[in-house]
Amino acid sequence: MALASSASETIAAMKAAQKYLYQCGGPILMLIGTIGCMLNLIVFTQKALRKNPCSIYFIAYNVANFLYIYSSLLALTLSVGYSIDVSIYNLIICRLRLYTVSLFNTLSPFYLILASVDRIFVTSSNALTRQRSTRRFAYLCILIGTLFWALFHSHALIASNIRQLAPNAFLCYFQQGIHLVFVSYYAVIKETSTLLLMIICGL
């Protein structure tokens, strides 16, 4: 009994610590992230820079980061820190939340990789390769890439649900089974490939 009581107290203490961490740390991180994105956008939208293809990629990158902050970190802060989670009561909001989080979590590194590839074009000794670094090509890559990833992550609008974990305990997440396995493997592959591509493009 004493051991069970001690374990319960430890779990309660950890939950309380997590709650206070999100109550205090969540808003601070959101504020820092928002200021960072805003400052970057102010810099890269200056007349001297906004015509540069690399600046266009960084503008898209910071917009994606900004949207990711308010689709992911805001929801987590409200849910964990303040016990406010609308997504566990409304299936449409649940699916939209998972979709936007998945989408912007992918678009952010995608735009950064495009910026790295553009730097490869600019520094290439081949004249034809350097000519690929244009504003038109940058807009085209962003448009096609955004549409592709928006369609790719559309599965979150269908294969996600509100699951009951325990009495009065609900979770908005992907459906169990093959789809959850796919999402898990995809997350690992995405993070690994992003890291490898950034290393390769940075060499």
N, C-alpha and C. Protein backbone atom coordinates (compact mmCIF):
# COMPACT_ATOMS: atom_id res chain seq x y z
N MET A 1 0.83 -1.21 0.00
CA MET A 1 0.00 0.00 0.00
C MET A 1 0.86 1.26 0.00
N ALA A 2 1.93 1.22 0.82
CA ALA A 2 2.82 2.38 0.90
C ALA A 2 3.50 2.63 -0.43
N LEU A 3 3.89 1.52 -1.11
CA LEU A 3 4.55 1.64 -2.42
C LEU A 3 3.60 2.23 -3.46
N ALA A 4 2.35 1.76 -3.45
CA ALA A 4 1.34 2.26 -4.39
C ALA A 4 1.05 3.73 -4.13
N SER A 5 0.98 4.09 -2.84
CA SER A 5 0.73 5.48 -2.48
C SER A 5 1.87 6.38 -2.93
N SER A 6 3.11 5.88 -2.75
CA SER A 6 4.29 6.65 -3.17
C SER A 6 4.32 6.84 -4.68
N ALA A 7 3.95 5.79 -5.41
CA ALA A 7 3.91 5.88 -6.88
C ALA A 7 2.86 6.87 -7.33
N SER A 8 1.70 6.86 -6.67
CA SER A 8 0.62 7.79 -7.02
C SER A 8 1.03 9.23 -6.76
N GLU A 9 1.73 9.44 -5.65
CA GLU A 9 2.20 10.79 -5.32
C GLU A 9 3.23 11.27 -6.34
N THR A 10 4.10 10.35 -6.77
CA THR A 10 5.11 10.70 -7.76
C THR A 10 4.47 11.09 -9.09
N ILE A 11 3.49 10.30 -9.52
CA ILE A 11 2.78 10.59 -10.77
C ILE A 11 2.05 11.92 -10.69
N ALA A 12 1.40 12.17 -9.54
CA ALA A 12 0.69 13.43 -9.34
C ALA A 12 1.65 14.61 -9.38
N ALA A 13 2.82 14.43 -8.77
CA ALA A 13 3.83 15.50 -8.75
C ALA A 13 4.35 15.79 -10.16
N MET A 14 4.55 14.72 -10.94
CA MET A 14 5.04 14.89 -12.31
C MET A 14 4.00 15.59 -13.19
N LYS A 15 2.74 15.24 -12.99
CA LYS A 15 1.67 15.88 -13.75
C LYS A 15 1.56 17.36 -13.39
N ALA A 16 1.70 17.65 -12.09
CA ALA A 16 1.65 19.04 -11.65
C ALA A 16 2.82 19.84 -12.22
N ALA A 17 4.00 19.22 -12.23
CA ALA A 17 5.19 19.88 -12.77
C ALA A 17 5.02 20.16 -14.26
N GLN A 18 4.46 19.18 -14.98
CA GLN A 18 4.21 19.36 -16.41
C GLN A 18 3.21 20.49 -16.65
N LYS A 19 2.18 20.53 -15.83
CA LYS A 19 1.16 21.58 -15.97
C LYS A 19 1.76 22.96 -15.74
N TYR A 20 2.54 23.12 -14.67
CA TYR A 20 3.14 24.42 -14.37
C TYR A 20 4.19 24.80 -15.41
N LEU A 21 4.88 23.78 -15.96
CA LEU A 21 5.89 24.04 -16.99
C LEU A 21 5.25 24.64 -18.24
N TYR A 22 4.11 24.08 -18.64
CA TYR A 22 3.40 24.61 -19.81
C TYR A 22 2.74 25.95 -19.51
N GLN A 23 2.26 26.13 -18.27
CA GLN A 23 1.65 27.40 -17.91
C GLN A 23 2.65 28.55 -17.98
N CYS A 24 3.88 28.28 -17.54
CA CYS A 24 4.91 29.32 -17.52
C CYS A 24 5.75 29.34 -18.80
N GLY A 25 6.22 28.15 -19.19
CA GLY A 25 7.13 28.06 -20.33
C GLY A 25 6.45 28.20 -21.68
N GLY A 26 5.22 27.69 -21.80
CA GLY A 26 4.51 27.74 -23.08
C GLY A 26 4.35 29.16 -23.62
N PRO A 27 3.76 30.07 -22.83
CA PRO A 27 3.60 31.45 -23.32
C PRO A 27 4.93 32.14 -23.62
N ILE A 28 5.96 31.83 -22.82
CA ILE A 28 7.28 32.44 -23.05
C ILE A 28 7.85 31.98 -24.39
N LEU A 29 7.78 30.67 -24.65
CA LEU A 29 8.28 30.13 -25.91
C LEU A 29 7.50 30.68 -27.10
N MET A 30 6.19 30.81 -26.92
CA MET A 30 5.36 31.37 -27.99
C MET A 30 5.73 32.83 -28.28
N LEU A 31 5.98 33.58 -27.22
CA LEU A 31 6.36 34.99 -27.37
C LEU A 31 7.70 35.11 -28.09
N ILE A 32 8.68 34.31 -27.66
CA ILE A 32 10.01 34.34 -28.28
C ILE A 32 9.92 33.93 -29.75
N GLY A 33 9.17 32.86 -30.02
CA GLY A 33 9.01 32.38 -31.39
C GLY A 33 8.32 33.39 -32.27
N THR A 34 7.28 34.03 -31.73
CA THR A 34 6.54 35.04 -32.50
C THR A 34 7.42 36.24 -32.83
N ILE A 35 8.16 36.72 -31.83
CA ILE A 35 9.06 37.86 -32.05
C ILE A 35 10.12 37.50 -33.08
N GLY A 36 10.69 36.29 -32.96
CA GLY A 36 11.71 35.85 -33.90
C GLY A 36 11.19 35.80 -35.33
N CYS A 37 10.00 35.23 -35.50
CA CYS A 37 9.40 35.15 -36.84
C CYS A 37 9.09 36.53 -37.40
N MET A 38 8.56 37.41 -36.56
CA MET A 38 8.21 38.76 -37.01
C MET A 38 9.46 39.54 -37.42
N LEU A 39 10.52 39.44 -36.62
CA LEU A 39 11.77 40.15 -36.95
C LEU A 39 12.37 39.63 -38.25
N ASN A 40 12.35 38.30 -38.41
CA ASN A 40 12.87 37.72 -39.65
C ASN A 40 12.07 38.17 -40.87
N LEU A 41 10.75 38.21 -40.71
CA LEU A 41 9.90 38.64 -41.82
C LEU A 41 10.14 40.11 -42.17
N ILE A 42 10.36 40.93 -41.14
CA ILE A 42 10.66 42.35 -41.38
C ILE A 42 11.96 42.49 -42.17
N VAL A 43 12.96 41.69 -41.81
CA VAL A 43 14.26 41.75 -42.48
C VAL A 43 14.15 41.26 -43.92
N PHE A 44 13.57 40.07 -44.12
CA PHE A 44 13.56 39.46 -45.45
C PHE A 44 12.56 40.09 -46.41
N THR A 45 11.64 40.90 -45.91
CA THR A 45 10.70 41.59 -46.81
C THR A 45 11.18 43.00 -47.16
N GLN A 46 12.38 43.36 -46.72
CA GLN A 46 12.95 44.64 -47.11
C GLN A 46 13.16 44.67 -48.62
N LYS A 47 13.05 45.84 -49.21
CA LYS A 47 13.14 45.98 -50.66
C LYS A 47 14.44 45.41 -51.22
N ALA A 48 15.53 45.57 -50.48
CA ALA A 48 16.83 45.11 -50.96
C ALA A 48 16.95 43.59 -50.96
N LEU A 49 16.12 42.91 -50.15
CA LEU A 49 16.25 41.46 -50.01
C LEU A 49 15.11 40.66 -50.64
N ARG A 50 13.92 41.22 -50.69
CA ARG A 50 12.75 40.42 -51.08
C ARG A 50 12.79 39.94 -52.53
N LYS A 51 13.67 40.53 -53.35
CA LYS A 51 13.80 40.06 -54.73
C LYS A 51 14.77 38.89 -54.83
N ASN A 52 15.46 38.61 -53.75
CA ASN A 52 16.41 37.49 -53.73
C ASN A 52 15.65 36.18 -53.56
N PRO A 53 15.89 35.17 -54.41
CA PRO A 53 15.18 33.88 -54.28
C PRO A 53 15.33 33.24 -52.91
N CYS A 54 16.52 33.34 -52.32
CA CYS A 54 16.74 32.75 -51.00
C CYS A 54 15.88 33.44 -49.94
N SER A 55 15.71 34.75 -50.08
CA SER A 55 14.86 35.49 -49.14
C SER A 55 13.41 35.05 -49.24
N ILE A 56 12.98 34.71 -50.45
CA ILE A 56 11.60 34.23 -50.65
C ILE A 56 11.39 32.92 -49.89
N TYR A 57 12.38 32.04 -49.96
CA TYR A 57 12.29 30.77 -49.22
C TYR A 57 12.24 31.03 -47.71
N PHE A 58 13.05 31.98 -47.24
CA PHE A 58 13.07 32.27 -45.80
C PHE A 58 11.78 32.96 -45.34
N ILE A 59 11.16 33.72 -46.21
CA ILE A 59 9.86 34.31 -45.87
C ILE A 59 8.83 33.19 -45.68
N ALA A 60 8.82 32.25 -46.62
CA ALA A 60 7.90 31.10 -46.51
C ALA A 60 8.21 30.28 -45.27
N TYR A 61 9.50 30.12 -44.98
CA TYR A 61 9.94 29.35 -43.81
C TYR A 61 9.43 29.97 -42.51
N ASN A 62 9.54 31.28 -42.39
CA ASN A 62 9.11 31.96 -41.17
C ASN A 62 7.59 32.01 -41.04
N VAL A 63 6.89 32.11 -42.16
CA VAL A 63 5.42 32.05 -42.12
C VAL A 63 4.98 30.67 -41.63
N ALA A 64 5.63 29.62 -42.15
CA ALA A 64 5.30 28.25 -41.72
C ALA A 64 5.61 28.06 -40.23
N ASN A 65 6.74 28.61 -39.78
CA ASN A 65 7.09 28.51 -38.35
C ASN A 65 6.05 29.22 -37.48
N PHE A 66 5.63 30.40 -37.92
CA PHE A 66 4.64 31.17 -37.17
C PHE A 66 3.33 30.39 -37.05
N LEU A 67 2.87 29.83 -38.16
CA LEU A 67 1.63 29.06 -38.15
C LEU A 67 1.77 27.78 -37.33
N TYR A 68 2.96 27.20 -37.34
CA TYR A 68 3.19 25.98 -36.56
C TYR A 68 3.14 26.28 -35.06
N ILE A 69 3.68 27.42 -34.67
CA ILE A 69 3.66 27.82 -33.26
C ILE A 69 2.22 27.90 -32.75
N TYR A 70 1.34 28.50 -33.55
CA TYR A 70 -0.03 28.72 -33.09
C TYR A 70 -0.97 27.55 -33.37
N SER A 71 -0.52 26.59 -34.16
CA SER A 71 -1.34 25.39 -34.36
C SER A 71 -0.91 24.26 -33.44
N SER A 72 0.34 24.29 -33.00
CA SER A 72 0.87 23.21 -32.16
C SER A 72 1.13 23.64 -30.72
N LEU A 73 2.04 24.60 -30.55
CA LEU A 73 2.44 25.00 -29.19
C LEU A 73 1.29 25.66 -28.43
N LEU A 74 0.49 26.46 -29.11
CA LEU A 74 -0.65 27.10 -28.45
C LEU A 74 -1.64 26.05 -27.96
N ALA A 75 -1.94 25.07 -28.82
CA ALA A 75 -2.88 24.01 -28.44
C ALA A 75 -2.35 23.19 -27.27
N LEU A 76 -1.04 22.89 -27.29
CA LEU A 76 -0.43 22.13 -26.19
C LEU A 76 -0.46 22.92 -24.89
N THR A 77 -0.15 24.21 -24.98
CA THR A 77 -0.15 25.06 -23.79
C THR A 77 -1.53 25.13 -23.15
N LEU A 78 -2.55 25.32 -23.98
CA LEU A 78 -3.92 25.38 -23.46
C LEU A 78 -4.37 24.04 -22.91
N SER A 79 -4.01 22.96 -23.61
CA SER A 79 -4.45 21.62 -23.21
C SER A 79 -3.77 21.15 -21.93
N VAL A 80 -2.44 21.19 -21.91
CA VAL A 80 -1.69 20.67 -20.76
C VAL A 80 -1.65 21.67 -19.61
N GLY A 81 -1.42 22.94 -19.94
CA GLY A 81 -1.26 23.93 -18.89
C GLY A 81 -2.55 24.44 -18.28
N TYR A 82 -3.60 24.51 -19.09
CA TYR A 82 -4.84 25.11 -18.59
C TYR A 82 -6.07 24.22 -18.75
N SER A 83 -5.84 22.97 -19.16
CA SER A 83 -6.93 21.98 -19.32
C SER A 83 -8.03 22.47 -20.25
N ILE A 84 -7.62 23.20 -21.29
CA ILE A 84 -8.56 23.68 -22.31
C ILE A 84 -8.21 23.00 -23.63
N ASP A 85 -9.03 22.06 -24.05
CA ASP A 85 -8.76 21.33 -25.29
C ASP A 85 -10.08 21.10 -26.03
N VAL A 86 -10.37 21.99 -26.95
CA VAL A 86 -11.61 21.91 -27.72
C VAL A 86 -11.60 20.71 -28.65
N SER A 87 -10.41 20.26 -29.06
CA SER A 87 -10.30 19.19 -30.06
C SER A 87 -10.80 17.84 -29.56
N ILE A 88 -10.93 17.67 -28.24
CA ILE A 88 -11.42 16.38 -27.73
C ILE A 88 -12.94 16.35 -27.64
N TYR A 89 -13.58 17.46 -28.00
CA TYR A 89 -15.04 17.52 -27.98
C TYR A 89 -15.64 17.67 -29.37
N ASN A 90 -14.83 18.08 -30.32
CA ASN A 90 -15.32 18.33 -31.67
C ASN A 90 -14.42 17.62 -32.68
N LEU A 91 -14.97 16.68 -33.43
CA LEU A 91 -14.18 15.87 -34.36
C LEU A 91 -13.59 16.71 -35.49
N ILE A 92 -14.34 17.69 -35.97
CA ILE A 92 -13.84 18.54 -37.06
C ILE A 92 -12.61 19.32 -36.61
N ILE A 93 -12.69 19.91 -35.42
CA ILE A 93 -11.56 20.66 -34.88
C ILE A 93 -10.38 19.72 -34.62
N CYS A 94 -10.67 18.53 -34.14
CA CYS A 94 -9.64 17.52 -33.89
C CYS A 94 -8.86 17.23 -35.17
N ARG A 95 -9.58 16.96 -36.24
CA ARG A 95 -8.93 16.62 -37.51
C ARG A 95 -8.20 17.81 -38.12
N LEU A 96 -8.78 19.00 -38.01
CA LEU A 96 -8.11 20.19 -38.53
C LEU A 96 -6.83 20.48 -37.76
N ARG A 97 -6.86 20.26 -36.46
CA ARG A 97 -5.67 20.50 -35.64
C ARG A 97 -4.55 19.54 -36.03
N LEU A 98 -4.85 18.25 -36.14
CA LEU A 98 -3.83 17.28 -36.53
C LEU A 98 -3.30 17.56 -37.93
N TYR A 99 -4.19 17.99 -38.82
CA TYR A 99 -3.79 18.28 -40.20
C TYR A 99 -2.84 19.47 -40.25
N THR A 100 -3.20 20.57 -39.59
CA THR A 100 -2.36 21.77 -39.63
C THR A 100 -1.02 21.55 -38.95
N VAL A 101 -1.02 20.83 -37.83
CA VAL A 101 0.24 20.54 -37.13
C VAL A 101 1.15 19.70 -38.02
N SER A 102 0.60 18.66 -38.63
CA SER A 102 1.39 17.78 -39.50
C SER A 102 1.91 18.55 -40.71
N LEU A 103 1.06 19.38 -41.29
CA LEU A 103 1.43 20.12 -42.50
C LEU A 103 2.54 21.13 -42.24
N PHE A 104 2.36 21.99 -41.25
CA PHE A 104 3.35 23.04 -40.99
C PHE A 104 4.65 22.47 -40.41
N ASN A 105 4.56 21.34 -39.74
CA ASN A 105 5.75 20.68 -39.23
C ASN A 105 6.61 20.15 -40.37
N THR A 106 6.00 19.89 -41.52
CA THR A 106 6.73 19.43 -42.70
C THR A 106 7.15 20.59 -43.59
N LEU A 107 6.28 21.58 -43.74
CA LEU A 107 6.58 22.70 -44.62
C LEU A 107 7.78 23.51 -44.13
N SER A 108 7.91 23.66 -42.83
CA SER A 108 9.00 24.47 -42.28
C SER A 108 10.38 23.94 -42.71
N PRO A 109 10.72 22.67 -42.46
CA PRO A 109 12.02 22.17 -42.93
C PRO A 109 12.10 22.08 -44.45
N PHE A 110 10.96 21.87 -45.12
CA PHE A 110 10.95 21.79 -46.58
C PHE A 110 11.43 23.10 -47.19
N TYR A 111 10.92 24.22 -46.69
CA TYR A 111 11.34 25.53 -47.20
C TYR A 111 12.81 25.79 -46.88
N LEU A 112 13.26 25.34 -45.73
CA LEU A 112 14.66 25.53 -45.35
C LEU A 112 15.58 24.75 -46.28
N ILE A 113 15.17 23.55 -46.66
CA ILE A 113 15.94 22.74 -47.60
C ILE A 113 15.98 23.42 -48.97
N LEU A 114 14.85 23.99 -49.39
CA LEU A 114 14.82 24.72 -50.66
C LEU A 114 15.80 25.89 -50.65
N ALA A 115 15.88 26.59 -49.52
CA ALA A 115 16.82 27.71 -49.40
C ALA A 115 18.26 27.21 -49.51
N SER A 116 18.54 26.05 -48.92
CA SER A 116 19.88 25.46 -48.99
C SER A 116 20.22 25.06 -50.42
N VAL A 117 19.26 24.50 -51.12
CA VAL A 117 19.46 24.11 -52.52
C VAL A 117 19.71 25.35 -53.38
N ASP A 118 19.01 26.43 -53.08
CA ASP A 118 19.21 27.68 -53.82
C ASP A 118 20.63 28.19 -53.64
N ARG A 119 21.18 28.04 -52.44
CA ARG A 119 22.57 28.46 -52.20
C ARG A 119 23.54 27.61 -53.02
N ILE A 120 23.19 26.34 -53.23
CA ILE A 120 24.02 25.47 -54.07
C ILE A 120 23.99 25.97 -55.51
N PHE A 121 22.80 26.37 -55.97
CA PHE A 121 22.67 26.91 -57.33
C PHE A 121 23.53 28.16 -57.50
N VAL A 122 23.45 29.07 -56.53
CA VAL A 122 24.14 30.35 -56.62
C VAL A 122 25.65 30.17 -56.65
N THR A 123 26.16 29.25 -55.85
CA THR A 123 27.62 29.07 -55.72
C THR A 123 28.18 28.07 -56.73
N SER A 124 27.34 27.54 -57.60
CA SER A 124 27.81 26.56 -58.58
C SER A 124 28.72 27.21 -59.63
N SER A 125 29.69 26.45 -60.10
CA SER A 125 30.60 26.95 -61.14
C SER A 125 29.97 26.85 -62.52
N ASN A 126 28.85 26.11 -62.60
CA ASN A 126 28.14 25.93 -63.86
C ASN A 126 27.15 27.08 -64.07
N ALA A 127 27.27 27.76 -65.19
CA ALA A 127 26.42 28.93 -65.46
C ALA A 127 24.95 28.54 -65.57
N LEU A 128 24.66 27.40 -66.17
CA LEU A 128 23.27 26.95 -66.32
C LEU A 128 22.64 26.65 -64.96
N THR A 129 23.44 26.10 -64.05
CA THR A 129 22.95 25.81 -62.70
C THR A 129 22.66 27.10 -61.95
N ARG A 130 23.53 28.10 -62.11
CA ARG A 130 23.32 29.39 -61.43
C ARG A 130 22.06 30.08 -61.92
N GLN A 131 21.70 29.85 -63.17
CA GLN A 131 20.51 30.49 -63.74
C GLN A 131 19.21 29.95 -63.15
N ARG A 132 19.29 28.83 -62.44
CA ARG A 132 18.09 28.26 -61.81
C ARG A 132 17.70 29.02 -60.55
N SER A 133 18.59 29.84 -60.05
CA SER A 133 18.29 30.63 -58.86
C SER A 133 17.56 31.90 -59.27
N THR A 134 16.25 31.76 -59.48
CA THR A 134 15.42 32.90 -59.89
C THR A 134 14.19 32.99 -59.00
N ARG A 135 13.57 34.16 -58.99
CA ARG A 135 12.35 34.36 -58.19
C ARG A 135 11.22 33.47 -58.72
N ARG A 136 11.13 33.37 -60.03
CA ARG A 136 10.06 32.56 -60.63
C ARG A 136 10.19 31.10 -60.21
N PHE A 137 11.43 30.59 -60.23
CA PHE A 137 11.66 29.21 -59.84
C PHE A 137 11.36 29.01 -58.36
N ALA A 138 11.69 30.01 -57.54
CA ALA A 138 11.42 29.94 -56.10
C ALA A 138 9.92 29.88 -55.82
N TYR A 139 9.16 30.76 -56.46
CA TYR A 139 7.70 30.75 -56.29
C TYR A 139 7.10 29.43 -56.77
N LEU A 140 7.63 28.91 -57.87
CA LEU A 140 7.12 27.66 -58.43
C LEU A 140 7.37 26.50 -57.48
N CYS A 141 8.58 26.43 -56.92
CA CYS A 141 8.93 25.36 -55.97
C CYS A 141 8.06 25.43 -54.71
N ILE A 142 7.87 26.65 -54.21
CA ILE A 142 7.05 26.83 -53.01
C ILE A 142 5.60 26.42 -53.28
N LEU A 143 5.07 26.84 -54.43
CA LEU A 143 3.68 26.53 -54.78
C LEU A 143 3.46 25.03 -54.95
N ILE A 144 4.31 24.40 -55.77
CA ILE A 144 4.16 22.96 -56.03
C ILE A 144 4.41 22.16 -54.76
N GLY A 145 5.45 22.53 -54.00
CA GLY A 145 5.76 21.82 -52.76
C GLY A 145 4.66 21.93 -51.73
N THR A 146 4.11 23.14 -51.59
CA THR A 146 3.03 23.35 -50.61
C THR A 146 1.79 22.55 -50.99
N LEU A 147 1.43 22.55 -52.27
CA LEU A 147 0.27 21.77 -52.72
C LEU A 147 0.49 20.28 -52.52
N PHE A 148 1.71 19.81 -52.81
CA PHE A 148 2.01 18.39 -52.64
C PHE A 148 1.86 17.96 -51.19
N TRP A 149 2.49 18.71 -50.27
CA TRP A 149 2.44 18.34 -48.85
C TRP A 149 1.04 18.53 -48.28
N ALA A 150 0.30 19.52 -48.79
CA ALA A 150 -1.08 19.71 -48.33
C ALA A 150 -1.94 18.51 -48.70
N LEU A 151 -1.73 17.98 -49.89
CA LEU A 151 -2.47 16.78 -50.32
C LEU A 151 -1.96 15.54 -49.60
N PHE A 152 -0.65 15.46 -49.41
CA PHE A 152 -0.06 14.28 -48.77
C PHE A 152 -0.57 14.10 -47.34
N HIS A 153 -0.75 15.22 -46.63
CA HIS A 153 -1.19 15.13 -45.23
C HIS A 153 -2.71 15.15 -45.07
N SER A 154 -3.42 15.10 -46.19
CA SER A 154 -4.88 15.13 -46.11
C SER A 154 -5.46 13.89 -45.42
N HIS A 155 -4.63 12.86 -45.26
CA HIS A 155 -5.09 11.65 -44.55
C HIS A 155 -5.50 11.98 -43.11
N ALA A 156 -4.88 13.04 -42.55
CA ALA A 156 -5.21 13.43 -41.17
C ALA A 156 -6.64 13.94 -41.06
N LEU A 157 -7.21 14.38 -42.17
CA LEU A 157 -8.59 14.87 -42.16
C LEU A 157 -9.60 13.73 -42.18
N ILE A 158 -9.10 12.52 -42.43
CA ILE A 158 -9.99 11.35 -42.52
C ILE A 158 -9.68 10.32 -41.44
N ALA A 159 -8.40 9.96 -41.34
CA ALA A 159 -8.00 8.86 -40.45
C ALA A 159 -7.55 9.34 -39.08
N SER A 160 -8.32 10.20 -38.45
CA SER A 160 -8.05 10.63 -37.08
C SER A 160 -9.36 10.66 -36.33
N ASN A 161 -9.26 10.50 -35.02
CA ASN A 161 -10.49 10.38 -34.24
C ASN A 161 -10.24 10.80 -32.80
N ILE A 162 -11.32 10.92 -32.05
CA ILE A 162 -11.24 11.22 -30.62
C ILE A 162 -11.34 9.90 -29.87
N ARG A 163 -10.27 9.54 -29.18
CA ARG A 163 -10.22 8.26 -28.47
C ARG A 163 -10.41 8.46 -26.97
N GLN A 164 -11.15 7.54 -26.36
CA GLN A 164 -11.35 7.58 -24.91
C GLN A 164 -10.31 6.67 -24.26
N LEU A 165 -9.42 7.27 -23.48
CA LEU A 165 -8.36 6.50 -22.82
C LEU A 165 -8.82 5.95 -21.47
N ALA A 166 -9.68 6.70 -20.81
CA ALA A 166 -10.20 6.32 -19.49
C ALA A 166 -11.45 7.16 -19.25
N PRO A 167 -12.18 6.89 -18.18
CA PRO A 167 -13.34 7.72 -17.87
C PRO A 167 -12.96 9.20 -17.77
N ASN A 168 -13.61 10.03 -18.56
CA ASN A 168 -13.35 11.48 -18.58
C ASN A 168 -11.95 11.82 -19.09
N ALA A 169 -11.34 10.91 -19.84
CA ALA A 169 -10.01 11.16 -20.42
C ALA A 169 -10.06 10.84 -21.91
N PHE A 170 -9.94 11.88 -22.74
CA PHE A 170 -10.05 11.72 -24.19
C PHE A 170 -8.79 12.25 -24.87
N LEU A 171 -8.53 11.73 -26.06
CA LEU A 171 -7.34 12.14 -26.81
C LEU A 171 -7.68 12.25 -28.29
N CYS A 172 -7.30 13.36 -28.88
CA CYS A 172 -7.45 13.56 -30.32
C CYS A 172 -6.18 13.08 -31.00
N TYR A 173 -6.27 11.97 -31.73
CA TYR A 173 -5.06 11.42 -32.36
C TYR A 173 -5.44 10.56 -33.56
N PHE A 174 -4.42 10.07 -34.24
CA PHE A 174 -4.64 9.23 -35.42
C PHE A 174 -5.25 7.90 -35.02
N GLN A 175 -6.00 7.31 -35.94
CA GLN A 175 -6.65 6.04 -35.68
C GLN A 175 -5.62 4.93 -35.51
N GLN A 176 -5.92 4.00 -34.64
CA GLN A 176 -5.03 2.88 -34.40
C GLN A 176 -5.03 1.94 -35.59
N GLY A 177 -3.96 1.13 -35.67
CA GLY A 177 -3.87 0.17 -36.76
C GLY A 177 -2.79 0.55 -37.76
N ILE A 178 -3.03 0.20 -39.02
CA ILE A 178 -2.05 0.44 -40.08
C ILE A 178 -1.73 1.92 -40.23
N HIS A 179 -2.75 2.77 -40.10
CA HIS A 179 -2.52 4.21 -40.28
C HIS A 179 -1.59 4.78 -39.22
N LEU A 180 -1.75 4.36 -37.98
CA LEU A 180 -0.88 4.83 -36.91
C LEU A 180 0.55 4.34 -37.11
N VAL A 181 0.70 3.11 -37.61
CA VAL A 181 2.03 2.57 -37.92
C VAL A 181 2.67 3.40 -39.03
N PHE A 182 1.88 3.73 -40.06
CA PHE A 182 2.38 4.55 -41.17
C PHE A 182 2.85 5.92 -40.67
N VAL A 183 2.05 6.56 -39.83
CA VAL A 183 2.39 7.88 -39.29
C VAL A 183 3.68 7.81 -38.47
N SER A 184 3.84 6.75 -37.70
CA SER A 184 5.03 6.58 -36.86
C SER A 184 6.29 6.43 -37.70
N TYR A 185 6.23 5.56 -38.71
CA TYR A 185 7.38 5.36 -39.60
C TYR A 185 7.67 6.62 -40.41
N TYR A 186 6.61 7.27 -40.86
CA TYR A 186 6.77 8.50 -41.64
C TYR A 186 7.49 9.58 -40.83
N ALA A 187 7.14 9.71 -39.55
CA ALA A 187 7.76 10.71 -38.69
C ALA A 187 9.27 10.46 -38.56
N VAL A 188 9.64 9.20 -38.39
CA VAL A 188 11.06 8.84 -38.26
C VAL A 188 11.80 9.13 -39.57
N ILE A 189 11.21 8.70 -40.68
CA ILE A 189 11.83 8.91 -42.00
C ILE A 189 11.96 10.39 -42.31
N LYS A 190 10.92 11.17 -41.99
CA LYS A 190 10.93 12.61 -42.27
C LYS A 190 12.03 13.32 -41.50
N GLU A 191 12.13 13.05 -40.21
CA GLU A 191 13.14 13.72 -39.39
C GLU A 191 14.55 13.32 -39.82
N THR A 192 14.74 12.03 -40.13
CA THR A 192 16.05 11.55 -40.54
C THR A 192 16.46 12.13 -41.89
N SER A 193 15.54 12.09 -42.85
CA SER A 193 15.85 12.60 -44.19
C SER A 193 16.08 14.11 -44.17
N THR A 194 15.33 14.83 -43.34
CA THR A 194 15.52 16.28 -43.22
C THR A 194 16.92 16.59 -42.72
N LEU A 195 17.35 15.88 -41.69
CA LEU A 195 18.69 16.08 -41.13
C LEU A 195 19.76 15.77 -42.16
N LEU A 196 19.61 14.64 -42.86
CA LEU A 196 20.60 14.24 -43.87
C LEU A 196 20.66 15.24 -45.02
N LEU A 197 19.51 15.70 -45.49
CA LEU A 197 19.48 16.66 -46.59
C LEU A 197 20.10 17.99 -46.19
N MET A 198 19.86 18.43 -44.95
CA MET A 198 20.46 19.67 -44.47
C MET A 198 21.98 19.55 -44.38
N ILE A 199 22.45 18.38 -43.95
CA ILE A 199 23.89 18.14 -43.87
C ILE A 199 24.51 18.13 -45.26
N ILE A 200 23.86 17.41 -46.19
CA ILE A 200 24.37 17.31 -47.56
C ILE A 200 24.37 18.67 -48.25
N CYS A 201 23.28 19.41 -48.12
CA CYS A 201 23.18 20.72 -48.77
C CYS A 201 24.11 21.75 -48.13
N GLY A 202 24.49 21.50 -46.88
CA GLY A 202 25.36 22.44 -46.19
C GLY A 202 26.84 22.20 -46.42
N LEU A 203 27.17 21.06 -47.06
CA LEU A 203 28.58 20.74 -47.31
C LEU A 203 29.15 21.63 -48.41
